[in-house]
């Protein structure tokens, strides 16, 4: 998958790539785009689709070298593989029979407009295509455009091919000689602006594609946020096509320069020093965690023994200290990075975690209530006193085993769950005007200890029941559900639209709060339990619900 089957060079910095992507080729429509990540060090970049061939299972892209990621993509040879391709994304073009449609394509915008004008022509419209570029070599895909147009007008800035002049000259030529029912423009922002103004001058409805402003392509980054018709719209989600008359062009042009210097600096650094080592240390740490045992207790005790409130060891703990003595213990304070130092880094976790001694001390504060109200406050009903008392007796792996009975992501939840509003808000200590037991700190400690010192045992999984379950999305809810279902014997497949498993845990929470290596270690545990993961798959587009059902889900 994602193999480059064909490569051609149109000009110095413009390349044609034919990419293997059968699922996307089968489901994409004119106006859709894809997101490509060249390798693990590259950013996610949106690209419009020039052609799709469902029978061959291929997509054709025209890519211009601009920043580092596009340059790396263009340097790949035929036969090389692209790491990730996601799609189809965006809102498809509205294809109707309008009458006469002028399709204006400028530069590599010709590639983006090709599938749209093709669909318009097939819908019975008279299609007049106006192709524009600075020079002859920048007029791309001319044969393909001619094959799907009733007329083609070529405009070049230097007059080296076709007529000398800008795209609006060609558009106005058509408008003056015949009735035009719609104008569509795709290309550089300035070219689209003036084409839209030209159409507006003659009261002709016009659309433009603002794909050049997209960065993340998922609506998360906000870089493509624009004012359209007086309202805020996100190009990648709500578009990329919009009514040209409603676009705030000044805002559009201003946003186009936002990342220009960053792109230049990044590209220069790559040329000077090679591949950046970004995230290498964290990646190595994660791989080490995955290779080492990272699951439940080394204790020979079974689940019942670990959670039995009447067990001899548990009764002895209650007798060892009086409630007043436990209440007198001060709540631990989580060690943190020095404020001056943490202001210099975004990748190191601010909260450093408890030491073993601190965790055991905090565990002594738990009164082991007969009816623990803290459990009622936990959305997944973790056996809170059970895991805490195992920490108190220095059976940390046993505590982790208790956590994994009901929680698929204890190391994550121990960091980002709002314990103060959930389990800790129900702690009996609060009724006595004392701080609640630090349940979240202890959950994090047990999970981290297990990852670093575990003996490789997996949580108990029921025998397979032969039922396949598809989970759409790999965010915290999807991963938690997958963990619960696989324990019950279901064959679980998690489908993620983007390139990495984790959803908001990866893309939304900064690493100084939740490091990616922690999320990766939790995902690896789920994978070892039997959960299957498939990235770059948009359910409803890449694969339909009916197709999933046909596969036995």
Protein backbone atom coordinates (compact mmCIF):
# COMPACT_ATOMS: atom_id res chain seq x y z
CA UNK A 1 0.00 0.00 0.00
CA UNK A 2 1.00 3.62 -0.64
CA UNK A 3 3.59 2.66 -3.25
CA UNK A 4 4.68 5.23 -5.84
CA UNK A 5 3.90 3.46 -9.10
CA UNK A 6 4.80 6.26 -11.49
CA UNK A 7 6.70 9.52 -11.28
CA UNK A 8 7.21 12.30 -13.81
CA UNK A 9 8.63 15.80 -13.63
CA UNK A 10 6.59 18.63 -15.16
CA UNK A 11 8.98 21.46 -14.31
CA UNK A 12 11.84 22.29 -11.96
CA UNK A 13 9.73 22.02 -8.81
CA UNK A 14 6.52 20.34 -10.00
CA UNK A 15 6.15 16.56 -10.06
CA UNK A 16 3.48 14.07 -11.05
CA UNK A 17 3.03 11.04 -8.77
CA UNK A 18 0.80 8.02 -9.25
CA UNK A 19 0.18 6.48 -5.87
CA UNK A 20 -1.24 3.10 -4.88
CA UNK A 21 -4.32 3.68 -2.70
CA UNK A 22 -7.16 1.33 -3.72
CA UNK A 23 -9.63 2.12 -0.93
CA UNK A 24 -9.38 5.88 -1.43
CA UNK A 25 -9.47 5.57 -5.22
CA UNK A 26 -12.71 3.63 -4.94
CA UNK A 27 -14.45 6.14 -2.71
CA UNK A 28 -13.10 9.62 -3.57
CA UNK A 29 -15.15 12.23 -5.44
CA UNK A 30 -14.26 15.39 -7.35
CA UNK A 31 -13.15 18.09 -4.94
CA UNK A 32 -11.91 15.66 -2.26
CA UNK A 33 -8.36 15.78 -0.97
CA UNK A 34 -6.01 13.48 0.91
CA UNK A 35 -3.45 13.89 3.68
CA UNK A 36 0.02 12.47 3.09
CA UNK A 37 2.82 11.84 5.56
CA UNK A 38 6.05 10.90 3.80
CA UNK A 39 7.72 9.34 6.85
CA UNK A 40 7.59 9.41 10.63
CA UNK A 41 9.57 12.67 10.73
CA UNK A 42 7.34 14.52 8.29
CA UNK A 43 4.29 16.65 8.89
CA UNK A 44 0.83 15.78 7.58
CA UNK A 45 0.22 17.68 4.33
CA UNK A 46 -3.09 17.96 2.43
CA UNK A 47 -2.95 17.39 -1.34
CA UNK A 48 -5.71 17.65 -3.92
CA UNK A 49 -6.37 14.66 -6.18
CA UNK A 50 -5.76 15.14 -9.89
CA UNK A 51 -7.13 11.76 -10.98
CA UNK A 52 -8.40 8.57 -9.42
CA UNK A 53 -8.67 5.16 -11.01
CA UNK A 54 -10.89 2.78 -9.00
CA UNK A 55 -10.02 -0.18 -11.25
CA UNK A 56 -6.25 0.26 -10.91
CA UNK A 57 -6.62 1.46 -7.31
CA UNK A 58 -4.47 4.54 -7.89
CA UNK A 59 -4.47 8.24 -7.17
CA UNK A 60 -2.61 10.84 -9.22
CA UNK A 61 -1.13 13.89 -7.49
CA UNK A 62 0.66 16.95 -8.76
CA UNK A 63 3.03 18.19 -6.07
CA UNK A 64 5.06 21.36 -5.98
CA UNK A 65 8.19 21.54 -3.85
CA UNK A 66 7.48 24.26 -1.28
CA UNK A 67 8.41 23.14 2.23
CA UNK A 68 10.37 20.24 3.67
CA UNK A 69 7.64 17.59 3.49
CA UNK A 70 6.67 18.32 -0.12
CA UNK A 71 10.35 18.32 -1.10
CA UNK A 72 10.91 14.93 0.54
CA UNK A 73 7.83 13.56 -1.25
CA UNK A 74 9.04 14.79 -4.62
CA UNK A 75 12.48 13.26 -4.08
CA UNK A 76 11.08 9.75 -3.58
CA UNK A 77 11.73 7.46 -6.57
CA UNK A 78 9.31 5.11 -8.31
CA UNK A 79 8.84 1.99 -6.22
CA UNK A 80 9.27 3.84 -2.92
CA UNK A 81 6.54 3.84 -0.30
CA UNK A 82 4.81 6.74 1.39
CA UNK A 83 4.20 6.05 5.06
CA UNK A 84 0.61 7.31 5.37
CA UNK A 85 -2.20 8.36 3.07
CA UNK A 86 -5.59 9.39 4.52
CA UNK A 87 -8.76 10.16 2.62
CA UNK A 88 -10.97 11.04 1.03
CA UNK A 89 -11.42 14.28 2.98
CA UNK A 90 -13.28 17.52 2.44
CA UNK A 91 -16.68 18.28 0.96
CA UNK A 92 -17.04 17.06 -2.64
CA UNK A 93 -17.77 19.54 -5.42
CA UNK A 94 -21.41 20.18 -6.24
CA UNK A 95 -21.85 18.64 -9.68
CA UNK A 96 -24.99 19.71 -11.52
CA UNK A 97 -26.03 20.66 -15.02
CA UNK A 98 -25.55 24.43 -14.97
CA UNK A 99 -25.20 25.12 -18.69
CA UNK A 100 -21.91 26.71 -19.67
CA UNK A 101 -19.19 26.53 -17.05
CA UNK A 102 -15.82 28.29 -17.25
CA UNK A 103 -13.15 26.37 -15.34
CA UNK A 104 -10.06 28.48 -14.65
CA UNK A 105 -6.96 26.61 -13.50
CA UNK A 106 -3.71 28.31 -12.63
CA UNK A 107 -0.38 26.50 -12.13
CA UNK A 108 -0.78 23.28 -10.16
CA UNK A 109 -4.39 24.33 -9.60
CA UNK A 110 -4.96 22.74 -13.03
CA UNK A 111 -4.48 19.36 -11.38
CA UNK A 112 -7.07 20.12 -8.71
CA UNK A 113 -9.64 21.37 -11.21
CA UNK A 114 -9.23 18.43 -13.63
CA UNK A 115 -11.53 15.91 -11.84
CA UNK A 116 -14.13 18.63 -11.27
CA UNK A 117 -14.30 19.81 -14.87
CA UNK A 118 -14.39 16.18 -15.96
CA UNK A 119 -17.42 15.53 -13.75
CA UNK A 120 -19.10 18.73 -14.93
CA UNK A 121 -18.57 17.70 -18.56
CA UNK A 122 -19.98 14.25 -17.90
CA UNK A 123 -23.02 15.89 -16.28
CA UNK A 124 -23.85 17.52 -19.63
CA UNK A 125 -22.37 20.99 -19.14
CA UNK A 126 -20.51 22.90 -21.82
CA UNK A 127 -17.07 23.22 -20.24
CA UNK A 128 -14.67 25.95 -21.32
CA UNK A 129 -11.32 25.52 -19.59
CA UNK A 130 -8.92 28.42 -19.18
CA UNK A 131 -5.43 27.23 -18.21
CA UNK A 132 -2.86 29.74 -17.05
CA UNK A 133 0.81 29.73 -16.05
CA UNK A 134 3.81 31.99 -16.05
CA UNK A 135 5.44 29.99 -18.85
CA UNK A 136 4.62 27.13 -21.21
CA UNK A 137 6.22 24.52 -18.93
CA UNK A 138 3.77 25.40 -16.14
CA UNK A 139 0.75 24.47 -18.26
CA UNK A 140 0.25 20.91 -17.00
CA UNK A 141 -2.14 18.07 -17.89
CA UNK A 142 -3.27 19.84 -21.05
CA UNK A 143 -4.18 16.65 -22.92
CA UNK A 144 -6.33 15.41 -20.02
CA UNK A 145 -8.10 18.78 -19.81
CA UNK A 146 -8.76 18.88 -23.56
CA UNK A 147 -10.23 15.37 -23.46
CA UNK A 148 -12.88 16.56 -21.00
CA UNK A 149 -13.56 20.11 -22.21
CA UNK A 150 -15.50 21.57 -25.09
CA UNK A 151 -12.90 24.30 -25.49
CA UNK A 152 -9.51 25.08 -23.96
CA UNK A 153 -7.92 28.53 -23.78
CA UNK A 154 -4.23 28.79 -22.82
CA UNK A 155 -2.82 31.91 -21.15
CA UNK A 156 0.85 32.51 -20.27
CA UNK A 157 2.40 35.54 -18.61
CA UNK A 158 5.32 35.63 -21.06
CA UNK A 159 3.35 34.67 -24.17
CA UNK A 160 5.50 31.54 -24.69
CA UNK A 161 2.35 29.47 -25.30
CA UNK A 162 -1.24 30.29 -26.15
CA UNK A 163 -2.23 33.90 -25.54
CA UNK A 164 -0.13 36.36 -23.61
CA UNK A 165 -1.89 37.54 -20.48
CA UNK A 166 -3.35 36.50 -17.15
CA UNK A 167 -6.20 34.09 -16.55
CA UNK A 168 -8.86 36.79 -16.18
CA UNK A 169 -8.25 37.90 -19.77
CA UNK A 170 -9.21 34.43 -20.99
CA UNK A 171 -12.20 34.21 -18.65
CA UNK A 172 -13.55 37.59 -19.74
CA UNK A 173 -13.09 36.63 -23.39
CA UNK A 174 -15.56 33.77 -22.91
CA UNK A 175 -18.01 35.85 -20.84
CA UNK A 176 -18.19 38.59 -23.50
CA UNK A 177 -18.94 36.22 -26.37
CA UNK A 178 -21.48 33.82 -24.79
CA UNK A 179 -23.70 33.29 -21.80
CA UNK A 180 -21.78 31.79 -18.91
CA UNK A 181 -23.76 30.17 -16.10
CA UNK A 182 -20.95 29.45 -13.63
CA UNK A 183 -17.26 30.14 -13.08
CA UNK A 184 -14.93 27.87 -11.10
CA UNK A 185 -11.37 28.95 -10.27
CA UNK A 186 -8.56 26.96 -8.63
CA UNK A 187 -4.99 28.19 -8.38
CA UNK A 188 -2.91 30.81 -6.55
CA UNK A 189 -5.02 32.95 -4.17
CA UNK A 190 -4.45 36.17 -6.11
CA UNK A 191 -5.54 34.50 -9.34
CA UNK A 192 -8.71 33.17 -7.68
CA UNK A 193 -9.49 36.55 -6.15
CA UNK A 194 -9.43 38.41 -9.46
CA UNK A 195 -11.25 35.63 -11.31
CA UNK A 196 -13.99 35.82 -8.68
CA UNK A 197 -14.14 39.60 -9.00
CA UNK A 198 -14.39 39.24 -12.78
CA UNK A 199 -17.33 36.83 -12.46
CA UNK A 200 -18.97 39.09 -9.92
CA UNK A 201 -18.66 42.05 -12.30
CA UNK A 202 -20.92 40.14 -14.72
CA UNK A 203 -23.21 38.75 -11.97
CA UNK A 204 -22.09 35.18 -12.61
CA UNK A 205 -22.09 32.68 -9.72
CA UNK A 206 -18.56 31.58 -8.97
CA UNK A 207 -16.77 29.09 -6.74
CA UNK A 208 -13.14 28.92 -5.65
CA UNK A 209 -11.10 26.21 -3.93
CA UNK A 210 -9.09 27.48 -0.97
CA UNK A 211 -7.08 24.28 -0.56
CA UNK A 212 -3.74 26.13 -0.58
CA UNK A 213 -4.35 27.49 2.92
CA UNK A 214 -4.87 24.10 4.57
CA UNK A 215 -2.20 22.83 6.99
CA UNK A 216 -3.42 20.04 9.24
CA UNK A 217 -6.40 19.08 7.06
CA UNK A 218 -8.56 17.88 9.97
CA UNK A 219 -9.90 21.08 11.49
CA UNK A 220 -7.67 20.78 14.56
CA UNK A 221 -4.98 23.37 13.89
CA UNK A 222 -7.18 26.33 12.92
CA UNK A 223 -4.72 27.57 10.30
CA UNK A 224 -7.39 27.48 7.56
CA UNK A 225 -9.93 29.43 9.61
CA UNK A 226 -11.44 32.11 7.38
CA UNK A 227 -14.35 34.50 7.29
CA UNK A 228 -16.76 33.28 4.60
CA UNK A 229 -20.00 35.18 4.17
CA UNK A 230 -19.43 36.94 7.48
CA UNK A 231 -19.10 33.64 9.36
CA UNK A 232 -16.07 31.69 10.52
CA UNK A 233 -15.43 28.60 8.41
CA UNK A 234 -12.69 25.98 8.32
CA UNK A 235 -11.53 25.30 4.78
CA UNK A 236 -10.58 21.67 5.37
CA UNK A 237 -13.88 20.76 7.04
CA UNK A 238 -16.43 23.08 5.45
CA UNK A 239 -14.73 23.27 2.04
CA UNK A 240 -12.39 23.46 0.33
CA UNK A 241 -14.81 25.03 -2.22
CA UNK A 242 -16.72 28.21 -1.38
CA UNK A 243 -18.68 30.95 -3.07
CA UNK A 244 -15.94 33.33 -4.23
CA UNK A 245 -18.14 36.38 -3.57
CA UNK A 246 -18.25 35.52 0.15
CA UNK A 247 -14.52 35.04 0.74
CA UNK A 248 -12.61 37.62 2.78
CA UNK A 249 -9.68 37.74 0.36
CA UNK A 250 -7.55 40.08 2.45
CA UNK A 251 -7.73 37.63 5.34
CA UNK A 252 -6.97 34.75 2.98
CA UNK A 253 -3.89 36.43 1.52
CA UNK A 254 -2.65 37.41 4.97
CA UNK A 255 -2.91 33.86 6.27
CA UNK A 256 -0.98 32.49 3.30
CA UNK A 257 2.25 33.96 4.69
CA UNK A 258 1.87 32.63 8.23
CA UNK A 259 4.24 29.67 7.93
CA UNK A 260 6.41 30.85 5.06
CA UNK A 261 9.50 31.61 7.15
CA UNK A 262 9.11 28.42 9.20
CA UNK A 263 8.99 26.37 6.01
CA UNK A 264 12.10 28.08 4.65
CA UNK A 265 14.06 27.61 7.88
CA UNK A 266 13.04 23.96 8.18
CA UNK A 267 14.00 23.22 4.59
CA UNK A 268 17.37 24.94 4.99
CA UNK A 269 18.09 22.98 8.18
CA UNK A 270 17.33 19.74 6.38
CA UNK A 271 19.65 20.60 3.49
CA UNK A 272 22.41 21.61 5.91
CA UNK A 273 22.18 18.92 8.59
CA UNK A 274 19.98 16.11 7.28
CA UNK A 275 17.03 14.41 8.98
CA UNK A 276 16.15 15.95 12.33
CA UNK A 277 16.31 13.76 15.37
CA UNK A 278 12.93 14.93 16.62
CA UNK A 279 11.36 12.52 19.01
CA UNK A 280 14.09 9.89 18.62
CA UNK A 281 14.71 9.62 22.34
CA UNK A 282 11.04 9.31 23.16
CA UNK A 283 10.60 6.75 20.38
CA UNK A 284 13.48 4.67 21.72
CA UNK A 285 12.00 4.84 25.18
CA UNK A 286 8.63 3.66 23.92
CA UNK A 287 10.19 0.77 22.00
CA UNK A 288 12.07 -0.25 25.11
CA UNK A 289 8.81 -0.24 27.06
CA UNK A 290 7.08 -2.29 24.40
CA UNK A 291 9.91 -4.81 24.29
CA UNK A 292 10.04 -5.15 28.04
CA UNK A 293 7.22 -6.67 30.04
CA UNK A 294 4.54 -4.11 30.66
CA UNK A 295 1.57 -5.79 32.22
CA UNK A 296 0.24 -7.17 35.44
CA UNK A 297 1.47 -8.42 38.79
CA UNK A 298 4.24 -10.82 39.50
CA UNK A 299 2.38 -11.92 42.57
CA UNK A 300 1.04 -15.46 42.51
CA UNK A 301 -2.21 -14.20 44.02
CA UNK A 302 -5.26 -14.36 41.81
CA UNK A 303 -7.71 -11.55 41.16
CA UNK A 304 -9.95 -12.60 44.04
CA UNK A 305 -7.12 -12.46 46.53
CA UNK A 306 -6.02 -9.04 45.33
CA UNK A 307 -9.52 -7.57 45.70
CA UNK A 308 -10.98 -9.51 48.66
CA UNK A 309 -11.62 -7.05 51.46
CA UNK A 310 -11.85 -9.97 53.88
CA UNK A 311 -8.47 -11.41 52.91
CA UNK A 312 -6.11 -11.82 55.91
CA UNK A 313 -3.56 -9.38 54.51
CA UNK A 314 -6.26 -6.73 54.09
CA UNK A 315 -7.60 -7.19 57.60
CA UNK A 316 -4.09 -6.88 58.99
CA UNK A 317 -3.60 -3.55 57.20
CA UNK A 318 -6.76 -2.13 58.75
CA UNK A 319 -5.61 -3.21 62.20
CA UNK A 320 -2.11 -1.85 61.74
CA UNK A 321 -3.19 1.81 62.01
CA UNK A 322 -6.14 3.60 63.56
CA UNK A 323 -8.26 5.85 61.32
CA UNK A 324 -7.07 8.94 63.25
CA UNK A 325 -3.46 7.97 62.56
CA UNK A 326 -4.20 7.61 58.86
CA UNK A 327 -6.01 10.95 58.81
CA UNK A 328 -3.01 12.63 60.40
CA UNK A 329 -0.78 11.77 57.43
CA UNK A 330 -0.29 14.76 55.14
CA UNK A 331 -1.26 14.36 51.48
CA UNK A 332 1.77 14.02 49.22
CA UNK A 333 2.74 16.79 46.84
CA UNK A 334 3.54 15.77 43.27
CA UNK A 335 7.14 16.71 42.36
CA UNK A 336 7.30 19.02 39.34
CA UNK A 337 9.90 20.31 36.94
CA UNK A 338 11.46 23.59 37.97
CA UNK A 339 9.33 26.42 36.52
CA UNK A 340 12.29 28.18 34.91
CA UNK A 341 13.43 24.95 33.26
CA UNK A 342 10.01 23.78 32.07
CA UNK A 343 9.52 27.12 30.34
CA UNK A 344 12.26 26.00 27.95
CA UNK A 345 10.75 22.66 26.90
CA UNK A 346 7.43 21.37 25.58
CA UNK A 347 8.29 17.69 25.51
CA UNK A 348 9.18 16.94 29.14
CA UNK A 349 6.36 16.11 31.50
CA UNK A 350 5.79 18.79 34.14
CA UNK A 351 4.57 16.33 36.80
CA UNK A 352 7.44 13.97 37.62
CA UNK A 353 5.44 11.26 39.42
CA UNK A 354 5.65 9.84 42.94
CA UNK A 355 8.51 7.85 44.32
CA UNK A 356 7.70 4.42 45.72
CA UNK A 357 8.09 5.72 49.26
CA UNK A 358 5.73 8.62 48.60
CA UNK A 359 3.15 6.32 47.01
CA UNK A 360 3.17 3.87 49.92
CA UNK A 361 2.89 6.75 52.38
CA UNK A 362 -0.11 8.20 50.50
CA UNK A 363 -1.71 4.74 50.32
CA UNK A 364 -1.67 4.62 54.14
CA UNK A 365 -4.15 7.54 54.12
CA UNK A 366 -6.89 5.37 52.61
CA UNK A 367 -9.38 4.28 55.29
CA UNK A 368 -10.49 1.23 53.27
CA UNK A 369 -14.16 2.16 53.63
CA UNK A 370 -16.65 -0.72 53.73
CA UNK A 371 -18.80 1.20 51.22
CA UNK A 372 -16.25 3.19 49.21
CA UNK A 373 -17.98 6.23 47.75
CA UNK A 374 -14.87 6.98 45.65
CA UNK A 375 -15.76 4.04 43.40
CA UNK A 376 -19.13 5.64 42.71
CA UNK A 377 -17.33 8.74 41.47
CA UNK A 378 -15.18 6.79 38.97
CA UNK A 379 -16.73 6.54 35.48
CA UNK A 380 -15.26 3.04 34.96
CA UNK A 381 -15.75 1.93 38.57
CA UNK A 382 -12.14 1.06 39.34
CA UNK A 383 -11.77 -0.93 42.54
CA UNK A 384 -10.03 2.02 44.17
CA UNK A 385 -9.47 0.82 47.76
CA UNK A 386 -8.35 -2.56 46.38
CA UNK A 387 -5.52 -1.14 44.26
CA UNK A 388 -4.51 1.40 46.91
CA UNK A 389 -4.25 -1.22 49.66
CA UNK A 390 -2.02 -3.32 47.40
CA UNK A 391 0.26 -0.30 47.09
CA UNK A 392 0.24 0.08 50.87
CA UNK A 393 1.53 -3.50 51.32
CA UNK A 394 4.17 -2.89 48.61
CA UNK A 395 2.54 -5.12 45.99
CA UNK A 396 2.65 -2.54 43.23
CA UNK A 397 2.22 -5.01 40.40
CA UNK A 398 -0.80 -6.41 42.18
CA UNK A 399 -2.22 -2.87 42.34
CA UNK A 400 -1.66 -2.49 38.59
CA UNK A 401 -3.43 -5.80 37.99
CA UNK A 402 -6.46 -4.50 39.89
CA UNK A 403 -6.47 -1.33 37.79
CA UNK A 404 -6.40 -3.28 34.52
CA UNK A 405 -9.47 -5.27 35.52
CA UNK A 406 -11.62 -2.23 34.73
CA UNK A 407 -9.36 0.35 33.05
CA UNK A 408 -7.66 -0.04 29.67
CA UNK A 409 -5.60 3.15 30.07
CA UNK A 410 -4.51 3.56 33.71
CA UNK A 411 -1.29 5.46 32.91
CA UNK A 412 -3.30 7.90 30.79
CA UNK A 413 -6.19 8.26 33.23
CA UNK A 414 -3.78 8.77 36.11
CA UNK A 415 -2.50 11.85 34.28
CA UNK A 416 -5.44 13.51 32.58
CA UNK A 417 -8.63 12.37 34.31
CA UNK A 418 -10.23 15.11 36.46
CA UNK A 419 -10.01 13.04 39.65
CA UNK A 420 -10.78 16.10 41.76
CA UNK A 421 -14.26 16.17 40.18
CA UNK A 422 -14.77 12.42 40.12
CA UNK A 423 -13.35 9.81 42.49
CA UNK A 424 -11.50 12.20 44.81
CA UNK A 425 -14.58 14.42 45.17
CA UNK A 426 -16.31 11.47 46.90
CA UNK A 427 -13.45 10.69 49.30
CA UNK A 428 -14.50 10.43 52.98
CA UNK A 429 -11.55 12.66 53.96
CA UNK A 430 -13.35 15.69 52.49
CA UNK A 431 -16.23 15.28 54.95
CA UNK A 432 -13.68 15.71 57.72
CA UNK A 433 -12.20 18.84 56.13
CA UNK A 434 -9.06 17.01 55.06
CA UNK A 435 -7.59 16.67 51.55
CA UNK A 436 -8.81 13.66 49.59
CA UNK A 437 -6.56 10.66 49.05
CA UNK A 438 -4.45 11.33 45.94
CA UNK A 439 -6.15 8.59 43.91
CA UNK A 440 -4.97 9.95 40.56
CA UNK A 441 -1.35 10.15 41.68
CA UNK A 442 -1.49 6.57 42.93
CA UNK A 443 -3.13 5.30 39.73
CA UNK A 444 -0.37 6.90 37.69
CA UNK A 445 2.32 5.51 39.98
CA UNK A 446 1.02 1.92 39.78
CA UNK A 447 0.65 2.05 35.99
CA UNK A 448 4.12 3.57 35.50
CA UNK A 449 5.69 1.03 37.87
CA UNK A 450 4.06 -1.80 35.95
CA UNK A 451 5.39 -0.47 32.65
CA UNK A 452 8.93 -0.23 34.03
CA UNK A 453 9.03 -3.33 36.26
CA UNK A 454 6.23 -5.64 35.07
CA UNK A 455 6.71 -9.33 34.39
CA UNK A 456 4.83 -9.55 31.08
CA UNK A 457 1.57 -11.04 32.31
CA UNK A 458 -1.55 -9.92 30.47
CA UNK A 459 -4.92 -9.23 32.05
CA UNK A 460 -7.22 -12.23 31.91
CA UNK A 461 -9.08 -12.48 28.60
CA UNK A 462 -12.14 -14.65 28.06
CA UNK A 463 -12.09 -17.28 25.29
CA UNK A 464 -12.99 -16.01 21.82
CA UNK A 465 -16.72 -15.81 21.12
CA UNK A 466 -16.20 -15.44 17.35
CA UNK A 467 -17.84 -12.01 17.16
CA UNK A 468 -15.99 -9.23 15.31
CA UNK A 469 -16.37 -5.69 16.61
CA UNK A 470 -15.38 -2.55 14.70
CA UNK A 471 -14.43 0.48 16.77
CA UNK A 472 -14.52 3.78 14.87
CA UNK A 473 -11.86 6.13 16.18
CA UNK A 474 -8.89 5.49 18.45
CA UNK A 475 -9.39 8.27 20.96
CA UNK A 476 -9.71 7.55 24.69
CA UNK A 477 -13.29 6.28 24.43
CA UNK A 478 -12.50 4.02 21.48
CA UNK A 479 -9.41 2.56 23.15
CA UNK A 480 -11.24 2.04 26.43
CA UNK A 481 -14.12 0.29 24.68
CA UNK A 482 -11.67 -1.87 22.71
CA UNK A 483 -9.93 -2.88 25.93
CA UNK A 484 -13.22 -3.84 27.59
CA UNK A 485 -14.48 -5.83 24.61
CA UNK A 486 -11.28 -7.78 23.98
CA UNK A 487 -11.31 -8.92 27.62
CA UNK A 488 -14.80 -10.32 27.01
CA UNK A 489 -13.63 -12.47 24.11
CA UNK A 490 -14.59 -10.26 21.15
CA UNK A 491 -12.34 -9.88 18.09
CA UNK A 492 -11.78 -6.12 18.13
CA UNK A 493 -10.61 -3.93 15.23
CA UNK A 494 -9.99 -0.23 15.80
CA UNK A 495 -10.18 2.00 12.69
CA UNK A 496 -8.43 5.36 12.89
CA UNK A 497 -8.81 8.10 10.26
CA UNK A 498 -5.40 9.64 10.89
CA UNK A 499 -1.89 8.27 10.86
CA UNK A 500 -1.37 7.40 14.51
CA UNK A 501 -3.46 5.63 17.11
CA UNK A 502 -4.53 7.76 20.05
CA UNK A 503 -6.86 10.47 18.77
CA UNK A 504 -6.97 13.45 21.11
CA UNK A 505 -4.45 11.71 23.39
CA UNK A 506 -1.86 12.22 20.63
CA UNK A 507 -3.16 15.17 18.63
CA UNK A 508 -4.83 17.23 21.33
CA UNK A 509 -2.99 16.88 24.65
CA UNK A 510 0.51 18.40 24.79
CA UNK A 511 3.41 16.16 25.74
CA UNK A 512 4.25 18.16 28.85
CA UNK A 513 0.92 16.88 30.19
CA UNK A 514 0.74 13.45 28.53
CA UNK A 515 3.88 12.17 26.74
CA UNK A 516 3.27 10.22 23.53
CA UNK A 517 5.48 7.39 24.81
CA UNK A 518 2.97 6.78 27.62
CA UNK A 519 0.10 6.59 25.14
CA UNK A 520 2.14 4.28 22.88
CA UNK A 521 2.87 1.93 25.78
CA UNK A 522 -0.84 1.69 26.65
CA UNK A 523 -1.67 1.01 22.99
CA UNK A 524 0.98 -1.70 22.89
CA UNK A 525 -0.68 -3.37 25.87
CA UNK A 526 -4.01 -3.39 24.03
CA UNK A 527 -2.31 -4.79 20.94
CA UNK A 528 -0.80 -7.61 22.99
CA UNK A 529 -4.20 -8.34 24.48
CA UNK A 530 -5.46 -8.93 20.94
CA UNK A 531 -6.81 -5.59 19.70
CA UNK A 532 -6.16 -4.94 15.98
CA UNK A 533 -5.43 -1.42 14.74
CA UNK A 534 -5.85 0.04 11.26
CA UNK A 535 -4.83 3.63 10.54
CA UNK A 536 -5.55 5.92 7.57
CA UNK A 537 -9.11 4.61 7.30
CA UNK A 538 -12.18 6.86 7.31
CA UNK A 539 -15.27 4.82 8.06
CA UNK A 540 -18.06 5.97 5.77
CA UNK A 541 -15.62 7.05 3.07
CA UNK A 542 -12.56 4.80 2.82
CA UNK A 543 -14.69 1.87 4.00
CA UNK A 544 -18.47 1.97 4.25
CA UNK A 545 -20.60 0.48 7.01
CA UNK A 546 -22.05 -2.02 4.54
CA UNK A 547 -18.53 -3.13 3.59
CA UNK A 548 -17.73 -3.69 7.24
CA UNK A 549 -20.87 -5.80 7.63
CA UNK A 550 -19.89 -7.79 4.55
CA UNK A 551 -16.56 -8.54 6.25
CA UNK A 552 -18.37 -10.06 9.19
CA UNK A 553 -18.54 -7.15 11.62
